[in-house]
């Protein structure tokens, strides 16, 4: 996969949301906090793998690494859900991200 970015991720999330629209909450601002909480849970699962398996396992044990990356994907999926709930486009994210990067480059 040569190019995988937030635009592609949001397209995938919209596809998933459409498939389960009868079962899942809609991508609206009032549901963003739930998505954010789920994102924190998934990030916690990543931290749990680091704690229990260790850095070396993540780097060298392929099943552990795949599980870690899967939890990372879950975290990114929920981040994209939050973005979709608030109508944040990949272009808007990029613009603010680059401004923040520039600001951080000038910090010290």
PDB file of N, CA and C in Angstrom:
ATOM      1  N   UNK A   1       0.853  -1.169   0.000  1.00  0.00           N
ATOM      2  CA  UNK A   1       0.000   0.000   0.000  1.00  0.00           C
ATOM      3  C   UNK A   1       0.900   1.234   0.000  1.00  0.00           C
ATOM      4  N   UNK A   2       0.933   1.933  -1.087  1.00  0.00           N
ATOM      5  CA  UNK A   2       1.858   3.053  -1.240  1.00  0.00           C
ATOM      6  C   UNK A   2       1.423   4.299  -0.474  1.00  0.00           C
ATOM      7  N   UNK A   3       0.114   4.527  -0.352  1.00  0.00           N
ATOM      8  CA  UNK A   3      -0.365   5.772   0.238  1.00  0.00           C
ATOM      9  C   UNK A   3      -1.576   5.482   1.123  1.00  0.00           C
ATOM     10  N   UNK A   4      -1.395   5.565   2.425  1.00  0.00           N
ATOM     11  CA  UNK A   4      -2.478   5.316   3.374  1.00  0.00           C
ATOM     12  C   UNK A   4      -2.528   6.488   4.333  1.00  0.00           C
ATOM     13  N   UNK A   5      -3.566   7.291   4.240  1.00  0.00           N
ATOM     14  CA  UNK A   5      -3.640   8.502   5.028  1.00  0.00           C
ATOM     15  C   UNK A   5      -5.013   8.646   5.681  1.00  0.00           C
ATOM     16  N   UNK A   6      -5.245   9.774   6.333  1.00  0.00           N
ATOM     17  CA  UNK A   6      -6.513   9.988   7.025  1.00  0.00           C
ATOM     18  C   UNK A   6      -7.697  10.021   6.062  1.00  0.00           C
ATOM     19  N   UNK A   7      -7.480  10.485   4.857  1.00  0.00           N
ATOM     20  CA  UNK A   7      -8.573  10.491   3.878  1.00  0.00           C
ATOM     21  C   UNK A   7      -9.034   9.056   3.596  1.00  0.00           C
ATOM     22  N   UNK A   8      -8.085   8.163   3.377  1.00  0.00           N
ATOM     23  CA  UNK A   8      -8.405   6.756   3.143  1.00  0.00           C
ATOM     24  C   UNK A   8      -9.056   6.143   4.390  1.00  0.00           C
ATOM     25  N   UNK A   9      -8.505   6.456   5.563  1.00  0.00           N
ATOM     26  CA  UNK A   9      -9.063   5.934   6.806  1.00  0.00           C
ATOM     27  C   UNK A   9     -10.501   6.402   7.005  1.00  0.00           C
ATOM     28  N   UNK A  10     -10.771   7.672   6.702  1.00  0.00           N
ATOM     29  CA  UNK A  10     -12.137   8.175   6.864  1.00  0.00           C
ATOM     30  C   UNK A  10     -13.083   7.520   5.869  1.00  0.00           C
ATOM     31  N   UNK A  11     -12.620   7.269   4.673  1.00  0.00           N
ATOM     32  CA  UNK A  11     -13.447   6.576   3.681  1.00  0.00           C
ATOM     33  C   UNK A  11     -13.826   5.192   4.198  1.00  0.00           C
ATOM     34  N   UNK A  12     -12.848   4.504   4.766  1.00  0.00           N
ATOM     35  CA  UNK A  12     -13.086   3.169   5.319  1.00  0.00           C
ATOM     36  C   UNK A  12     -14.065   3.249   6.497  1.00  0.00           C
ATOM     37  N   UNK A  13     -13.887   4.243   7.363  1.00  0.00           N
ATOM     38  CA  UNK A  13     -14.779   4.387   8.512  1.00  0.00           C
ATOM     39  C   UNK A  13     -16.216   4.687   8.074  1.00  0.00           C
ATOM     40  N   UNK A  14     -16.358   5.507   7.050  1.00  0.00           N
ATOM     41  CA  UNK A  14     -17.701   5.806   6.532  1.00  0.00           C
ATOM     42  C   UNK A  14     -18.350   4.549   5.967  1.00  0.00           C
ATOM     43  N   UNK A  15     -17.570   3.727   5.296  1.00  0.00           N
ATOM     44  CA  UNK A  15     -18.068   2.465   4.746  1.00  0.00           C
ATOM     45  C   UNK A  15     -18.540   1.543   5.880  1.00  0.00           C
ATOM     46  N   UNK A  16     -17.743   1.455   6.930  1.00  0.00           N
ATOM     47  CA  UNK A  16     -18.086   0.635   8.079  1.00  0.00           C
ATOM     48  C   UNK A  16     -19.340   1.171   8.778  1.00  0.00           C
ATOM     49  N   UNK A  17     -19.394   2.490   8.929  1.00  0.00           N
ATOM     50  CA  UNK A  17     -20.552   3.126   9.563  1.00  0.00           C
ATOM     51  C   UNK A  17     -21.821   2.852   8.754  1.00  0.00           C
ATOM     52  N   UNK A  18     -21.738   2.926   7.444  1.00  0.00           N
ATOM     53  CA  UNK A  18     -22.903   2.671   6.590  1.00  0.00           C
ATOM     54  C   UNK A  18     -23.379   1.230   6.742  1.00  0.00           C
ATOM     55  N   UNK A  19     -22.445   0.311   6.836  1.00  0.00           N
ATOM     56  CA  UNK A  19     -22.803  -1.101   6.965  1.00  0.00           C
ATOM     57  C   UNK A  19     -23.550  -1.370   8.269  1.00  0.00           C
ATOM     58  N   UNK A  20     -23.153  -0.706   9.348  1.00  0.00           N
ATOM     59  CA  UNK A  20     -23.732  -0.959  10.667  1.00  0.00           C
ATOM     60  C   UNK A  20     -24.595   0.192  11.181  1.00  0.00           C
ATOM     61  N   UNK A  21     -25.135   1.002  10.285  1.00  0.00           N
ATOM     62  CA  UNK A  21     -25.863   2.198  10.718  1.00  0.00           C
ATOM     63  C   UNK A  21     -27.077   1.876  11.584  1.00  0.00           C
ATOM     64  N   UNK A  22     -27.643   0.710  11.450  1.00  0.00           N
ATOM     65  CA  UNK A  22     -28.789   0.321  12.268  1.00  0.00           C
ATOM     66  C   UNK A  22     -28.373  -0.099  13.675  1.00  0.00           C
ATOM     67  N   UNK A  23     -27.097  -0.446  13.858  1.00  0.00           N
ATOM     68  CA  UNK A  23     -26.613  -0.945  15.147  1.00  0.00           C
ATOM     69  C   UNK A  23     -25.764   0.074  15.904  1.00  0.00           C
ATOM     70  N   UNK A  24     -25.096   0.961  15.182  1.00  0.00           N
ATOM     71  CA  UNK A  24     -24.151   1.882  15.805  1.00  0.00           C
ATOM     72  C   UNK A  24     -24.730   3.285  15.886  1.00  0.00           C
ATOM     73  N   UNK A  25     -24.153   4.078  16.783  1.00  0.00           N
ATOM     74  CA  UNK A  25     -24.564   5.475  16.877  1.00  0.00           C
ATOM     75  C   UNK A  25     -24.056   6.240  15.658  1.00  0.00           C
ATOM     76  N   UNK A  26     -24.790   7.270  15.255  1.00  0.00           N
ATOM     77  CA  UNK A  26     -24.361   8.041  14.082  1.00  0.00           C
ATOM     78  C   UNK A  26     -23.126   8.897  14.372  1.00  0.00           C
ATOM     79  N   UNK A  27     -22.500   9.348  13.308  1.00  0.00           N
ATOM     80  CA  UNK A  27     -21.312  10.201  13.426  1.00  0.00           C
ATOM     81  C   UNK A  27     -21.766  11.645  13.612  1.00  0.00           C
ATOM     82  N   UNK A  28     -22.216  11.949  14.796  1.00  0.00           N
ATOM     83  CA  UNK A  28     -22.697  13.280  15.152  1.00  0.00           C
ATOM     84  C   UNK A  28     -21.981  13.755  16.402  1.00  0.00           C
ATOM     85  N   UNK A  29     -21.854  15.085  16.578  1.00  0.00           N
ATOM     86  CA  UNK A  29     -21.076  15.624  17.697  1.00  0.00           C
ATOM     87  C   UNK A  29     -21.452  15.061  19.068  1.00  0.00           C
ATOM     88  N   UNK A  30     -22.727  14.816  19.304  1.00  0.00           N
ATOM     89  CA  UNK A  30     -23.126  14.340  20.641  1.00  0.00           C
ATOM     90  C   UNK A  30     -22.606  12.944  20.965  1.00  0.00           C
ATOM     91  N   UNK A  31     -22.111  12.219  19.969  1.00  0.00           N
ATOM     92  CA  UNK A  31     -21.561  10.879  20.202  1.00  0.00           C
ATOM     93  C   UNK A  31     -20.036  10.856  20.197  1.00  0.00           C
ATOM     94  N   UNK A  32     -19.418  11.997  19.954  1.00  0.00           N
ATOM     95  CA  UNK A  32     -17.958  12.059  19.860  1.00  0.00           C
ATOM     96  C   UNK A  32     -17.276  11.658  21.165  1.00  0.00           C
ATOM     97  N   UNK A  33     -17.856  12.060  22.296  1.00  0.00           N
ATOM     98  CA  UNK A  33     -17.208  11.723  23.571  1.00  0.00           C
ATOM     99  C   UNK A  33     -17.165  10.208  23.776  1.00  0.00           C
ATOM    100  N   UNK A  34     -18.197   9.496  23.336  1.00  0.00           N
ATOM    101  CA  UNK A  34     -18.177   8.036  23.442  1.00  0.00           C
ATOM    102  C   UNK A  34     -17.054   7.457  22.586  1.00  0.00           C
ATOM    103  N   UNK A  35     -16.919   7.975  21.368  1.00  0.00           N
ATOM    104  CA  UNK A  35     -15.855   7.505  20.474  1.00  0.00           C
ATOM    105  C   UNK A  35     -14.485   7.787  21.086  1.00  0.00           C
ATOM    106  N   UNK A  36     -14.351   8.959  21.711  1.00  0.00           N
ATOM    107  CA  UNK A  36     -13.090   9.328  22.344  1.00  0.00           C
ATOM    108  C   UNK A  36     -12.770   8.391  23.509  1.00  0.00           C
ATOM    109  N   UNK A  37     -13.775   8.058  24.292  1.00  0.00           N
ATOM    110  CA  UNK A  37     -13.564   7.115  25.397  1.00  0.00           C
ATOM    111  C   UNK A  37     -13.141   5.747  24.875  1.00  0.00           C
ATOM    112  N   UNK A  38     -13.778   5.283  23.802  1.00  0.00           N
ATOM    113  CA  UNK A  38     -13.379   4.007  23.202  1.00  0.00           C
ATOM    114  C   UNK A  38     -11.940   4.070  22.687  1.00  0.00           C
ATOM    115  N   UNK A  39     -11.562   5.237  22.148  1.00  0.00           N
ATOM    116  CA  UNK A  39     -10.190   5.410  21.663  1.00  0.00           C
ATOM    117  C   UNK A  39      -9.204   5.260  22.822  1.00  0.00           C
ATOM    118  N   UNK A  40      -9.539   5.847  23.976  1.00  0.00           N
ATOM    119  CA  UNK A  40      -8.664   5.731  25.146  1.00  0.00           C
ATOM    120  C   UNK A  40      -8.550   4.279  25.604  1.00  0.00           C
ATOM    121  N   UNK A  41      -9.642   3.553  25.532  1.00  0.00           N
ATOM    122  CA  UNK A  41      -9.618   2.135  25.911  1.00  0.00           C
ATOM    123  C   UNK A  41      -8.671   1.363  24.995  1.00  0.00           C
ATOM    124  N   UNK A  42      -8.773   1.630  23.694  1.00  0.00           N
ATOM    125  CA  UNK A  42      -7.898   0.949  22.731  1.00  0.00           C
ATOM    126  C   UNK A  42      -6.438   1.335  22.956  1.00  0.00           C
ATOM    127  N   UNK A  43      -6.179   2.609  23.247  1.00  0.00           N
ATOM    128  CA  UNK A  43      -4.807   3.040  23.542  1.00  0.00           C
ATOM    129  C   UNK A  43      -4.307   2.344  24.805  1.00  0.00           C
ATOM    130  N   UNK A  44      -5.192   2.140  25.773  1.00  0.00           N
ATOM    131  CA  UNK A  44      -4.837   1.407  26.978  1.00  0.00           C
ATOM    132  C   UNK A  44      -4.469  -0.030  26.668  1.00  0.00           C
ATOM    133  N   UNK A  45      -5.154  -0.628  25.696  1.00  0.00           N
ATOM    134  CA  UNK A  45      -4.811  -1.993  25.291  1.00  0.00           C
ATOM    135  C   UNK A  45      -3.423  -2.039  24.659  1.00  0.00           C
ATOM    136  N   UNK A  46      -3.055  -0.979  23.935  1.00  0.00           N
ATOM    137  CA  UNK A  46      -1.694  -0.897  23.401  1.00  0.00           C
ATOM    138  C   UNK A  46      -0.690  -0.836  24.550  1.00  0.00           C
ATOM    139  N   UNK A  47      -0.980   0.019  25.536  1.00  0.00           N
ATOM    140  CA  UNK A  47      -0.089   0.165  26.688  1.00  0.00           C
ATOM    141  C   UNK A  47       0.029  -1.151  27.453  1.00  0.00           C
ATOM    142  N   UNK A  48      -1.065  -1.895  27.532  1.00  0.00           N
ATOM    143  CA  UNK A  48      -1.061  -3.181  28.221  1.00  0.00           C
ATOM    144  C   UNK A  48      -0.124  -4.173  27.531  1.00  0.00           C
ATOM    145  N   UNK A  49      -0.111  -4.153  26.218  1.00  0.00           N
ATOM    146  CA  UNK A  49       0.805  -5.033  25.480  1.00  0.00           C
ATOM    147  C   UNK A  49       2.252  -4.638  25.760  1.00  0.00           C
ATOM    148  N   UNK A  50       2.521  -3.348  25.763  1.00  0.00           N
ATOM    149  CA  UNK A  50       3.876  -2.885  26.077  1.00  0.00           C
ATOM    150  C   UNK A  50       4.269  -3.341  27.480  1.00  0.00           C
ATOM    151  N   UNK A  51       3.359  -3.158  28.428  1.00  0.00           N
ATOM    152  CA  UNK A  51       3.637  -3.520  29.821  1.00  0.00           C
ATOM    153  C   UNK A  51       3.867  -5.023  29.989  1.00  0.00           C
ATOM    154  N   UNK A  52       2.988  -5.825  29.390  1.00  0.00           N
ATOM    155  CA  UNK A  52       3.037  -7.271  29.620  1.00  0.00           C
ATOM    156  C   UNK A  52       3.995  -8.015  28.690  1.00  0.00           C
ATOM    157  N   UNK A  53       4.155  -7.526  27.473  1.00  0.00           N
ATOM    158  CA  UNK A  53       4.989  -8.232  26.496  1.00  0.00           C
ATOM    159  C   UNK A  53       6.377  -7.615  26.350  1.00  0.00           C
ATOM    160  N   UNK A  54       6.465  -6.312  26.524  1.00  0.00           N
ATOM    161  CA  UNK A  54       7.743  -5.616  26.439  1.00  0.00           C
ATOM    162  C   UNK A  54       8.096  -5.187  25.025  1.00  0.00           C
ATOM    163  N   UNK A  55       9.000  -4.254  24.967  1.00  0.00           N
ATOM    164  CA  UNK A  55       9.439  -3.673  23.695  1.00  0.00           C
ATOM    165  C   UNK A  55      10.046  -4.720  22.762  1.00  0.00           C
ATOM    166  N   UNK A  56      10.868  -5.583  23.328  1.00  0.00           N
ATOM    167  CA  UNK A  56      11.557  -6.574  22.508  1.00  0.00           C
ATOM    168  C   UNK A  56      10.560  -7.493  21.795  1.00  0.00           C
ATOM    169  N   UNK A  57       9.504  -7.905  22.495  1.00  0.00           N
ATOM    170  CA  UNK A  57       8.493  -8.766  21.872  1.00  0.00           C
ATOM    171  C   UNK A  57       7.774  -8.043  20.741  1.00  0.00           C
ATOM    172  N   UNK A  58       7.474  -6.764  20.956  1.00  0.00           N
ATOM    173  CA  UNK A  58       6.799  -5.992  19.909  1.00  0.00           C
ATOM    174  C   UNK A  58       7.698  -5.883  18.675  1.00  0.00           C
ATOM    175  N   UNK A  59       8.973  -5.800  18.896  1.00  0.00           N
ATOM    176  CA  UNK A  59       9.908  -5.661  17.780  1.00  0.00           C
ATOM    177  C   UNK A  59      10.221  -6.991  17.087  1.00  0.00           C
ATOM    178  N   UNK A  60      10.192  -8.114  17.825  1.00  0.00           N
ATOM    179  CA  UNK A  60      10.701  -9.364  17.258  1.00  0.00           C
ATOM    180  C   UNK A  60       9.692 -10.511  17.176  1.00  0.00           C
ATOM    181  N   UNK A  61       8.645 -10.493  17.988  1.00  0.00           N
ATOM    182  CA  UNK A  61       7.666 -11.582  18.008  1.00  0.00           C
ATOM    183  C   UNK A  61       6.479 -11.174  17.128  1.00  0.00           C
ATOM    184  N   UNK A  62       6.381 -11.767  15.955  1.00  0.00           N
ATOM    185  CA  UNK A  62       5.385 -11.329  14.972  1.00  0.00           C
ATOM    186  C   UNK A  62       3.938 -11.376  15.470  1.00  0.00           C
ATOM    187  N   UNK A  63       3.490 -12.413  16.183  1.00  0.00           N
ATOM    188  CA  UNK A  63       2.114 -12.378  16.701  1.00  0.00           C
ATOM    189  C   UNK A  63       1.876 -11.233  17.696  1.00  0.00           C
ATOM    190  N   UNK A  64       2.850 -10.967  18.558  1.00  0.00           N
ATOM    191  CA  UNK A  64       2.728  -9.854  19.510  1.00  0.00           C
ATOM    192  C   UNK A  64       2.709  -8.535  18.743  1.00  0.00           C
ATOM    193  N   UNK A  65       3.596  -8.407  17.787  1.00  0.00           N
ATOM    194  CA  UNK A  65       3.662  -7.179  16.971  1.00  0.00           C
ATOM    195  C   UNK A  65       2.344  -6.940  16.236  1.00  0.00           C
ATOM    196  N   UNK A  66       1.807  -7.990  15.628  1.00  0.00           N
ATOM    197  CA  UNK A  66       0.546  -7.850  14.902  1.00  0.00           C
ATOM    198  C   UNK A  66      -0.587  -7.440  15.838  1.00  0.00           C
ATOM    199  N   UNK A  67      -0.624  -8.033  17.033  1.00  0.00           N
ATOM    200  CA  UNK A  67      -1.647  -7.663  18.010  1.00  0.00           C
ATOM    201  C   UNK A  67      -1.504  -6.198  18.420  1.00  0.00           C
ATOM    202  N   UNK A  68      -0.264  -5.758  18.644  1.00  0.00           N
ATOM    203  CA  UNK A  68      -0.003  -4.362  19.001  1.00  0.00           C
ATOM    204  C   UNK A  68      -0.473  -3.422  17.894  1.00  0.00           C
ATOM    205  N   UNK A  69      -0.144  -3.755  16.653  1.00  0.00           N
ATOM    206  CA  UNK A  69      -0.548  -2.913  15.525  1.00  0.00           C
ATOM    207  C   UNK A  69      -2.064  -2.921  15.357  1.00  0.00           C
ATOM    208  N   UNK A  70      -2.686  -4.056  15.613  1.00  0.00           N
ATOM    209  CA  UNK A  70      -4.151  -4.129  15.538  1.00  0.00           C
ATOM    210  C   UNK A  70      -4.795  -3.183  16.552  1.00  0.00           C
ATOM    211  N   UNK A  71      -4.264  -3.140  17.761  1.00  0.00           N
ATOM    212  CA  UNK A  71      -4.800  -2.215  18.771  1.00  0.00           C
ATOM    213  C   UNK A  71      -4.525  -0.765  18.361  1.00  0.00           C
ATOM    214  N   UNK A  72      -3.386  -0.536  17.723  1.00  0.00           N
ATOM    215  CA  UNK A  72      -3.082   0.792  17.202  1.00  0.00           C
ATOM    216  C   UNK A  72      -4.111   1.181  16.137  1.00  0.00           C
ATOM    217  N   UNK A  73      -4.465   0.232  15.286  1.00  0.00           N
ATOM    218  CA  UNK A  73      -5.484   0.483  14.258  1.00  0.00           C
ATOM    219  C   UNK A  73      -6.832   0.810  14.884  1.00  0.00           C
ATOM    220  N   UNK A  74      -7.204   0.070  15.936  1.00  0.00           N
ATOM    221  CA  UNK A  74      -8.455   0.368  16.638  1.00  0.00           C
ATOM    222  C   UNK A  74      -8.441   1.802  17.163  1.00  0.00           C
ATOM    223  N   UNK A  75      -7.298   2.204  17.726  1.00  0.00           N
ATOM    224  CA  UNK A  75      -7.155   3.567  18.249  1.00  0.00           C
ATOM    225  C   UNK A  75      -7.336   4.594  17.132  1.00  0.00           C
ATOM    226  N   UNK A  76      -6.692   4.347  15.995  1.00  0.00           N
ATOM    227  CA  UNK A  76      -6.815   5.268  14.855  1.00  0.00           C
ATOM    228  C   UNK A  76      -8.240   5.296  14.301  1.00  0.00           C
ATOM    229  N   UNK A  77      -8.913   4.139  14.311  1.00  0.00           N
ATOM    230  CA  UNK A  77     -10.293   4.094  13.823  1.00  0.00           C
ATOM    231  C   UNK A  77     -11.192   4.983  14.683  1.00  0.00           C
ATOM    232  N   UNK A  78     -11.019   4.899  15.994  1.00  0.00           N
ATOM    233  CA  UNK A  78     -11.832   5.746  16.863  1.00  0.00           C
ATOM    234  C   UNK A  78     -11.440   7.220  16.749  1.00  0.00           C
ATOM    235  N   UNK A  79     -10.158   7.509  16.521  1.00  0.00           N
ATOM    236  CA  UNK A  79      -9.753   8.892  16.274  1.00  0.00           C
ATOM    237  C   UNK A  79     -10.457   9.418  15.026  1.00  0.00           C
ATOM    238  N   UNK A  80     -10.508   8.602  13.990  1.00  0.00           N
ATOM    239  CA  UNK A  80     -11.216   9.007  12.777  1.00  0.00           C
ATOM    240  C   UNK A  80     -12.707   9.185  13.035  1.00  0.00           C
ATOM    241  N   UNK A  81     -13.281   8.345  13.879  1.00  0.00           N
ATOM    242  CA  UNK A  81     -14.691   8.514  14.238  1.00  0.00           C
ATOM    243  C   UNK A  81     -14.923   9.866  14.906  1.00  0.00           C
ATOM    244  N   UNK A  82     -14.021  10.247  15.822  1.00  0.00           N
ATOM    245  CA  UNK A  82     -14.139  11.557  16.481  1.00  0.00           C
ATOM    246  C   UNK A  82     -14.058  12.666  15.435  1.00  0.00           C
ATOM    247  N   UNK A  83     -13.106  12.538  14.522  1.00  0.00           N
ATOM    248  CA  UNK A  83     -12.981  13.538  13.451  1.00  0.00           C
ATOM    249  C   UNK A  83     -14.269  13.620  12.630  1.00  0.00           C
ATOM    250  N   UNK A  84     -14.826  12.472  12.290  1.00  0.00           N
ATOM    251  CA  UNK A  84     -16.065  12.455  11.503  1.00  0.00           C
ATOM    252  C   UNK A  84     -17.233  13.058  12.275  1.00  0.00           C
ATOM    253  N   UNK A  85     -17.305  12.784  13.569  1.00  0.00           N
ATOM    254  CA  UNK A  85     -18.387  13.356  14.389  1.00  0.00           C
ATOM    255  C   UNK A  85     -18.353  14.879  14.363  1.00  0.00           C
ATOM    256  N   UNK A  86     -17.154  15.443  14.344  1.00  0.00           N
ATOM    257  CA  UNK A  86     -17.008  16.897  14.354  1.00  0.00           C
ATOM    258  C   UNK A  86     -16.769  17.489  12.963  1.00  0.00           C
ATOM    259  N   UNK A  87     -16.838  16.657  11.938  1.00  0.00           N
ATOM    260  CA  UNK A  87     -16.664  17.154  10.576  1.00  0.00           C
ATOM    261  C   UNK A  87     -15.266  17.670  10.289  1.00  0.00           C
ATOM    262  N   UNK A  88     -14.265  17.079  10.922  1.00  0.00           N
ATOM    263  CA  UNK A  88     -12.873  17.498  10.699  1.00  0.00           C
ATOM    264  C   UNK A  88     -12.332  16.717   9.506  1.00  0.00           C
ATOM    265  N   UNK A  89     -11.987  17.433   8.470  1.00  0.00           N
ATOM    266  CA  UNK A  89     -11.488  16.792   7.251  1.00  0.00           C
ATOM    267  C   UNK A  89      -9.994  16.508   7.379  1.00  0.00           C
ATOM    268  N   UNK A  90      -9.502  15.573   6.573  1.00  0.00           N
ATOM    269  CA  UNK A  90      -8.053  15.327   6.570  1.00  0.00           C
ATOM    270  C   UNK A  90      -7.257  16.588   6.220  1.00  0.00           C
ATOM    271  N   UNK A  91      -7.812  17.428   5.353  1.00  0.00           N
ATOM    272  CA  UNK A  91      -7.121  18.662   4.963  1.00  0.00           C
ATOM    273  C   UNK A  91      -7.023  19.618   6.156  1.00  0.00           C
ATOM    274  N   UNK A  92      -8.111  19.723   6.914  1.00  0.00           N
ATOM    275  CA  UNK A  92      -8.097  20.588   8.094  1.00  0.00           C
ATOM    276  C   UNK A  92      -7.108  20.056   9.137  1.00  0.00           C
ATOM    277  N   UNK A  93      -7.101  18.752   9.328  1.00  0.00           N
ATOM    278  CA  UNK A  93      -6.165  18.130  10.256  1.00  0.00           C
ATOM    279  C   UNK A  93      -4.723  18.411   9.826  1.00  0.00           C
ATOM    280  N   UNK A  94      -4.443  18.233   8.547  1.00  0.00           N
ATOM    281  CA  UNK A  94      -3.090  18.470   8.037  1.00  0.00           C
ATOM    282  C   UNK A  94      -2.655  19.912   8.275  1.00  0.00           C
ATOM    283  N   UNK A  95      -3.540  20.850   7.998  1.00  0.00           N
ATOM    284  CA  UNK A  95      -3.205  22.267   8.163  1.00  0.00           C
ATOM    285  C   UNK A  95      -2.832  22.579   9.609  1.00  0.00           C
ATOM    286  N   UNK A  96      -3.663  22.145  10.538  1.00  0.00           N
ATOM    287  CA  UNK A  96      -3.403  22.422  11.946  1.00  0.00           C
ATOM    288  C   UNK A  96      -2.202  21.625  12.445  1.00  0.00           C
ATOM    289  N   UNK A  97      -2.067  20.389  11.986  1.00  0.00           N
ATOM    290  CA  UNK A  97      -0.926  19.542  12.368  1.00  0.00           C
ATOM    291  C   UNK A  97       0.391  20.204  11.967  1.00  0.00           C
ATOM    292  N   UNK A  98       0.457  20.717  10.745  1.00  0.00           N
ATOM    293  CA  UNK A  98       1.683  21.359  10.268  1.00  0.00           C
ATOM    294  C   UNK A  98       1.976  22.649  11.032  1.00  0.00           C
ATOM    295  N   UNK A  99       0.945  23.405  11.384  1.00  0.00           N
ATOM    296  CA  UNK A  99       1.137  24.607  12.202  1.00  0.00           C
ATOM    297  C   UNK A  99       1.676  24.223  13.573  1.00  0.00           C
ATOM    298  N   UNK A 100       1.114  23.178  14.154  1.00  0.00           N
ATOM    299  CA  UNK A 100       1.561  22.710  15.468  1.00  0.00           C
ATOM    300  C   UNK A 100       3.009  22.225  15.395  1.00  0.00           C
ATOM    301  N   UNK A 101       3.349  21.533  14.328  1.00  0.00           N
ATOM    302  CA  UNK A 101       4.722  21.063  14.143  1.00  0.00           C
ATOM    303  C   UNK A 101       5.686  22.256  14.077  1.00  0.00           C
ATOM    304  N   UNK A 102       5.314  23.244  13.307  1.00  0.00           N
ATOM    305  CA  UNK A 102       6.158  24.445  13.169  1.00  0.00           C
ATOM    306  C   UNK A 102       6.337  25.114  14.532  1.00  0.00           C
ATOM    307  N   UNK A 103       5.264  25.214  15.279  1.00  0.00           N
ATOM    308  CA  UNK A 103       5.314  25.797  16.617  1.00  0.00           C
ATOM    309  C   UNK A 103       6.249  24.982  17.522  1.00  0.00           C
ATOM    310  N   UNK A 104       6.134  23.651  17.461  1.00  0.00           N
ATOM    311  CA  UNK A 104       6.998  22.792  18.281  1.00  0.00           C
ATOM    312  C   UNK A 104       8.464  22.895  17.880  1.00  0.00           C
ATOM    313  N   UNK A 105       8.737  23.101  16.597  1.00  0.00           N
ATOM    314  CA  UNK A 105      10.115  23.229  16.118  1.00  0.00           C
ATOM    315  C   UNK A 105      10.793  24.479  16.667  1.00  0.00           C
ATOM    316  N   UNK A 106      10.006  25.451  17.062  1.00  0.00           N
ATOM    317  CA  UNK A 106      10.556  26.724  17.560  1.00  0.00           C
ATOM    318  C   UNK A 106      10.544  26.819  19.084  1.00  0.00           C
ATOM    319  N   UNK A 107      10.157  25.754  19.743  1.00  0.00           N
ATOM    320  CA  UNK A 107       9.979  25.775  21.211  1.00  0.00           C
ATOM    321  C   UNK A 107      11.271  26.037  21.975  1.00  0.00           C
ATOM    322  N   UNK A 108      12.308  25.291  21.710  1.00  0.00           N
ATOM    323  CA  UNK A 108      13.524  25.401  22.510  1.00  0.00           C
ATOM    324  C   UNK A 108      14.702  25.748  21.676  1.00  0.00           C
TER     325      UNK A 108
END
